[in-house]
C-alpha cells in the first residue's frame, strides 16, 4: 500500500523509523516530508518560512499531494511539542476518507497532544506501527 506518515517536525527520527518499518514490510511512502532535494535543511522557524515562501509553499503542496495519493495515512502522536502541519494533514486525510472512503487513517502513539479529531470514527487508534502493519497486511 501507499502510505503517508505525519508527525511533529521536531520528531523526525520517530517519523523516519515508522516510515522505514512500513517500507521494510513492503509498503511505499507517498512523500517523505522529512527530507527534500536540498538535503535535510528544514524550514523550522517562522522567519525561515517567511524568508523562503516559494520553498515553503512547494513543501505544503508536496505534503498534501502525499496525503491525496496515499491508501493509508499514519499520524505519530508521541511528540513532545504540539504540531501544526500534522493536524492539517490529518484534516486532509479525514476529508478524503469522508468524501471518497480512503485513505485508511491510523493514529499511533501516546496522544501527548490531544485533538478531538483523534476520535473521529474513521481514525483507528493503535499503539505501534507493528499493529498498523499487521492490519495493512490483512487487507
C-alpha atoms as a PDB file:
ATOM      1  CA  UNK A   1       0.000   0.000   0.000  1.00  0.00           C
ATOM      2  CA  UNK A   2       0.969   3.633  -0.437  1.00  0.00           C
ATOM      3  CA  UNK A   3       1.333   5.340   2.945  1.00  0.00           C
ATOM      4  CA  UNK A   4       1.835   8.896   4.185  1.00  0.00           C
ATOM      5  CA  UNK A   5       3.282   9.358   7.684  1.00  0.00           C
ATOM      6  CA  UNK A   6       2.631  12.582   9.633  1.00  0.00           C
ATOM      7  CA  UNK A   7       4.338  13.777  12.757  1.00  0.00           C
ATOM      8  CA  UNK A   8       5.765  16.784  14.517  1.00  0.00           C
ATOM      9  CA  UNK A   9       8.730  18.429  12.793  1.00  0.00           C
ATOM     10  CA  UNK A  10      10.863  18.036  15.946  1.00  0.00           C
ATOM     11  CA  UNK A  11      10.096  14.294  15.980  1.00  0.00           C
ATOM     12  CA  UNK A  12      11.676  13.451  12.617  1.00  0.00           C
ATOM     13  CA  UNK A  13      13.670  10.457  13.886  1.00  0.00           C
ATOM     14  CA  UNK A  14      10.478   8.748  15.091  1.00  0.00           C
ATOM     15  CA  UNK A  15       8.647   9.501  11.843  1.00  0.00           C
ATOM     16  CA  UNK A  16      11.560   8.098   9.841  1.00  0.00           C
ATOM     17  CA  UNK A  17      11.549   4.928  11.972  1.00  0.00           C
ATOM     18  CA  UNK A  18       7.824   4.441  11.269  1.00  0.00           C
ATOM     19  CA  UNK A  19       8.385   5.049   7.550  1.00  0.00           C
ATOM     20  CA  UNK A  20      11.239   2.529   7.488  1.00  0.00           C
ATOM     21  CA  UNK A  21       9.160  -0.126   9.257  1.00  0.00           C
ATOM     22  CA  UNK A  22       6.413   0.342   6.652  1.00  0.00           C
ATOM     23  CA  UNK A  23       8.898   0.148   3.758  1.00  0.00           C
ATOM     24  CA  UNK A  24      10.509  -2.947   5.280  1.00  0.00           C
ATOM     25  CA  UNK A  25       7.022  -4.507   5.353  1.00  0.00           C
ATOM     26  CA  UNK A  26       6.628  -3.884   1.600  1.00  0.00           C
ATOM     27  CA  UNK A  27       4.706  -0.613   1.598  1.00  0.00           C
ATOM     28  CA  UNK A  28       5.726   2.627  -0.151  1.00  0.00           C
ATOM     29  CA  UNK A  29       5.834   6.165   1.219  1.00  0.00           C
ATOM     30  CA  UNK A  30       3.963   8.664  -0.967  1.00  0.00           C
ATOM     31  CA  UNK A  31       6.011  11.641   0.220  1.00  0.00           C
ATOM     32  CA  UNK A  32       8.811  11.793   2.769  1.00  0.00           C
ATOM     33  CA  UNK A  33       8.445  15.313   4.150  1.00  0.00           C
ATOM     34  CA  UNK A  34      11.396  14.699   6.498  1.00  0.00           C
ATOM     35  CA  UNK A  35      13.773  15.017   3.532  1.00  0.00           C
ATOM     36  CA  UNK A  36      13.924  17.211   0.465  1.00  0.00           C
ATOM     37  CA  UNK A  37      16.082  17.679  -2.637  1.00  0.00           C
ATOM     38  CA  UNK A  38      18.211  20.261  -0.872  1.00  0.00           C
ATOM     39  CA  UNK A  39      19.210  17.799   1.826  1.00  0.00           C
ATOM     40  CA  UNK A  40      17.959  17.778   5.385  1.00  0.00           C
ATOM     41  CA  UNK A  41      17.662  21.570   5.566  1.00  0.00           C
ATOM     42  CA  UNK A  42      14.395  22.166   7.364  1.00  0.00           C
ATOM     43  CA  UNK A  43      12.489  25.438   7.385  1.00  0.00           C
ATOM     44  CA  UNK A  44      11.923  25.351  11.124  1.00  0.00           C
ATOM     45  CA  UNK A  45      11.493  28.925  12.237  1.00  0.00           C
ATOM     46  CA  UNK A  46       8.760  31.307  11.230  1.00  0.00           C
ATOM     47  CA  UNK A  47      11.483  33.599   9.897  1.00  0.00           C
ATOM     48  CA  UNK A  48      12.818  30.807   7.647  1.00  0.00           C
ATOM     49  CA  UNK A  49       9.343  30.109   6.292  1.00  0.00           C
ATOM     50  CA  UNK A  50       8.620  33.776   5.628  1.00  0.00           C
ATOM     51  CA  UNK A  51      12.042  34.313   4.048  1.00  0.00           C
ATOM     52  CA  UNK A  52      11.575  31.463   1.563  1.00  0.00           C
ATOM     53  CA  UNK A  53       7.842  31.461   0.824  1.00  0.00           C
ATOM     54  CA  UNK A  54       8.303  29.711  -2.518  1.00  0.00           C
ATOM     55  CA  UNK A  55      10.028  26.750  -0.865  1.00  0.00           C
ATOM     56  CA  UNK A  56       7.515  26.751   1.991  1.00  0.00           C
ATOM     57  CA  UNK A  57       4.616  26.681  -0.483  1.00  0.00           C
ATOM     58  CA  UNK A  58       6.265  23.912  -2.520  1.00  0.00           C
ATOM     59  CA  UNK A  59       6.611  21.782   0.593  1.00  0.00           C
ATOM     60  CA  UNK A  60       2.978  22.365   1.548  1.00  0.00           C
ATOM     61  CA  UNK A  61       1.889  21.206  -1.917  1.00  0.00           C
ATOM     62  CA  UNK A  62       4.043  18.065  -1.703  1.00  0.00           C
ATOM     63  CA  UNK A  63       2.715  17.217   1.761  1.00  0.00           C
ATOM     64  CA  UNK A  64      -0.924  17.498   0.713  1.00  0.00           C
ATOM     65  CA  UNK A  65      -0.255  15.607  -2.526  1.00  0.00           C
ATOM     66  CA  UNK A  66       1.304  12.827  -0.438  1.00  0.00           C
ATOM     67  CA  UNK A  67      -1.904  12.598   1.594  1.00  0.00           C
ATOM     68  CA  UNK A  68      -4.075  12.664  -1.548  1.00  0.00           C
ATOM     69  CA  UNK A  69      -2.101   9.796  -3.106  1.00  0.00           C
ATOM     70  CA  UNK A  70      -1.999   7.507  -0.070  1.00  0.00           C
ATOM     71  CA  UNK A  71      -4.042   4.394   0.638  1.00  0.00           C
ATOM     72  CA  UNK A  72      -3.213   4.674   4.337  1.00  0.00           C
ATOM     73  CA  UNK A  73      -2.385   7.697   6.469  1.00  0.00           C
ATOM     74  CA  UNK A  74      -0.489   7.376   9.764  1.00  0.00           C
ATOM     75  CA  UNK A  75      -0.157  10.140  12.352  1.00  0.00           C
ATOM     76  CA  UNK A  76       2.518   9.734  15.047  1.00  0.00           C
ATOM     77  CA  UNK A  77       1.430  11.236  18.368  1.00  0.00           C
ATOM     78  CA  UNK A  78       4.356  10.678  20.745  1.00  0.00           C
ATOM     79  CA  UNK A  79       5.723  14.168  20.007  1.00  0.00           C
ATOM     80  CA  UNK A  80       6.794  16.316  22.944  1.00  0.00           C
ATOM     81  CA  UNK A  81       5.815  19.565  21.173  1.00  0.00           C
ATOM     82  CA  UNK A  82       2.411  20.179  19.675  1.00  0.00           C
ATOM     83  CA  UNK A  83       2.293  20.010  15.895  1.00  0.00           C
ATOM     84  CA  UNK A  84       0.648  22.217  13.316  1.00  0.00           C
ATOM     85  CA  UNK A  85       1.186  20.753   9.870  1.00  0.00           C
ATOM     86  CA  UNK A  86       0.443  17.247  11.100  1.00  0.00           C
ATOM     87  CA  UNK A  87      -3.072  18.350  12.034  1.00  0.00           C
ATOM     88  CA  UNK A  88      -3.625  19.922   8.619  1.00  0.00           C
ATOM     89  CA  UNK A  89      -2.547  16.624   7.046  1.00  0.00           C
ATOM     90  CA  UNK A  90      -4.873  14.710   9.384  1.00  0.00           C
ATOM     91  CA  UNK A  91      -7.699  17.020   8.342  1.00  0.00           C
ATOM     92  CA  UNK A  92      -6.958  16.388   4.667  1.00  0.00           C
ATOM     93  CA  UNK A  93      -6.952  12.619   5.264  1.00  0.00           C
ATOM     94  CA  UNK A  94     -10.251  12.815   7.158  1.00  0.00           C
ATOM     95  CA  UNK A  95     -11.875  14.915   4.422  1.00  0.00           C
ATOM     96  CA  UNK A  96     -10.749  12.415   1.787  1.00  0.00           C
ATOM     97  CA  UNK A  97     -11.958   9.492   3.877  1.00  0.00           C
ATOM     98  CA  UNK A  98     -15.386  11.037   4.407  1.00  0.00           C
ATOM     99  CA  UNK A  99     -15.831  12.009   0.744  1.00  0.00           C
ATOM    100  CA  UNK A 100     -14.050   9.118  -1.009  1.00  0.00           C
ATOM    101  CA  UNK A 101     -13.768   6.287   1.542  1.00  0.00           C
ATOM    102  CA  UNK A 102      -9.955   6.387   1.542  1.00  0.00           C
ATOM    103  CA  UNK A 103      -7.360   6.596   2.934  1.00  0.00           C
ATOM    104  CA  UNK A 104      -7.417   4.319   5.935  1.00  0.00           C
ATOM    105  CA  UNK A 105      -6.422   6.513   8.890  1.00  0.00           C
ATOM    106  CA  UNK A 106      -4.229   5.298  11.747  1.00  0.00           C
ATOM    107  CA  UNK A 107      -3.088   7.056  14.884  1.00  0.00           C
ATOM    108  CA  UNK A 108      -0.115   5.570  16.694  1.00  0.00           C
ATOM    109  CA  UNK A 109       1.460   6.588  19.963  1.00  0.00           C
ATOM    110  CA  UNK A 110       0.575   8.138  23.280  1.00  0.00           C
ATOM    111  CA  UNK A 111      -1.520  11.122  22.088  1.00  0.00           C
ATOM    112  CA  UNK A 112       0.681  13.550  24.019  1.00  0.00           C
ATOM    113  CA  UNK A 113      -1.255  16.452  22.485  1.00  0.00           C
ATOM    114  CA  UNK A 114      -4.974  15.930  22.258  1.00  0.00           C
ATOM    115  CA  UNK A 115      -7.190  16.648  19.292  1.00  0.00           C
ATOM    116  CA  UNK A 116     -10.908  15.938  19.053  1.00  0.00           C
ATOM    117  CA  UNK A 117     -10.179  14.560  15.568  1.00  0.00           C
ATOM    118  CA  UNK A 118      -8.234  11.656  17.086  1.00  0.00           C
ATOM    119  CA  UNK A 119     -11.669  10.273  17.979  1.00  0.00           C
ATOM    120  CA  UNK A 120     -13.347  10.662  14.598  1.00  0.00           C
ATOM    121  CA  UNK A 121     -14.937   7.307  13.672  1.00  0.00           C
ATOM    122  CA  UNK A 122     -12.591   6.937  10.673  1.00  0.00           C
ATOM    123  CA  UNK A 123      -9.478   7.033  12.890  1.00  0.00           C
ATOM    124  CA  UNK A 124      -8.098   3.704  14.083  1.00  0.00           C
ATOM    125  CA  UNK A 125      -6.034   4.245  17.226  1.00  0.00           C
ATOM    126  CA  UNK A 126      -3.156   1.806  17.653  1.00  0.00           C
ATOM    127  CA  UNK A 127      -0.155   1.721  19.954  1.00  0.00           C
ATOM    128  CA  UNK A 128       2.588   0.876  17.436  1.00  0.00           C
ATOM    129  CA  UNK A 129       3.455   0.795  13.754  1.00  0.00           C
ATOM    130  CA  UNK A 130       3.625  -3.001  14.020  1.00  0.00           C
ATOM    131  CA  UNK A 131      -0.134  -3.062  14.703  1.00  0.00           C
ATOM    132  CA  UNK A 132      -0.690  -0.879  11.628  1.00  0.00           C
ATOM    133  CA  UNK A 133       1.466  -3.187   9.507  1.00  0.00           C
ATOM    134  CA  UNK A 134      -0.461  -6.246  10.682  1.00  0.00           C
ATOM    135  CA  UNK A 135      -3.725  -4.522   9.781  1.00  0.00           C
ATOM    136  CA  UNK A 136      -2.468  -3.417   6.342  1.00  0.00           C
ATOM    137  CA  UNK A 137      -1.109  -6.863   5.562  1.00  0.00           C
ATOM    138  CA  UNK A 138      -4.556  -8.344   6.209  1.00  0.00           C
ATOM    139  CA  UNK A 139      -6.179  -6.029   3.637  1.00  0.00           C
END
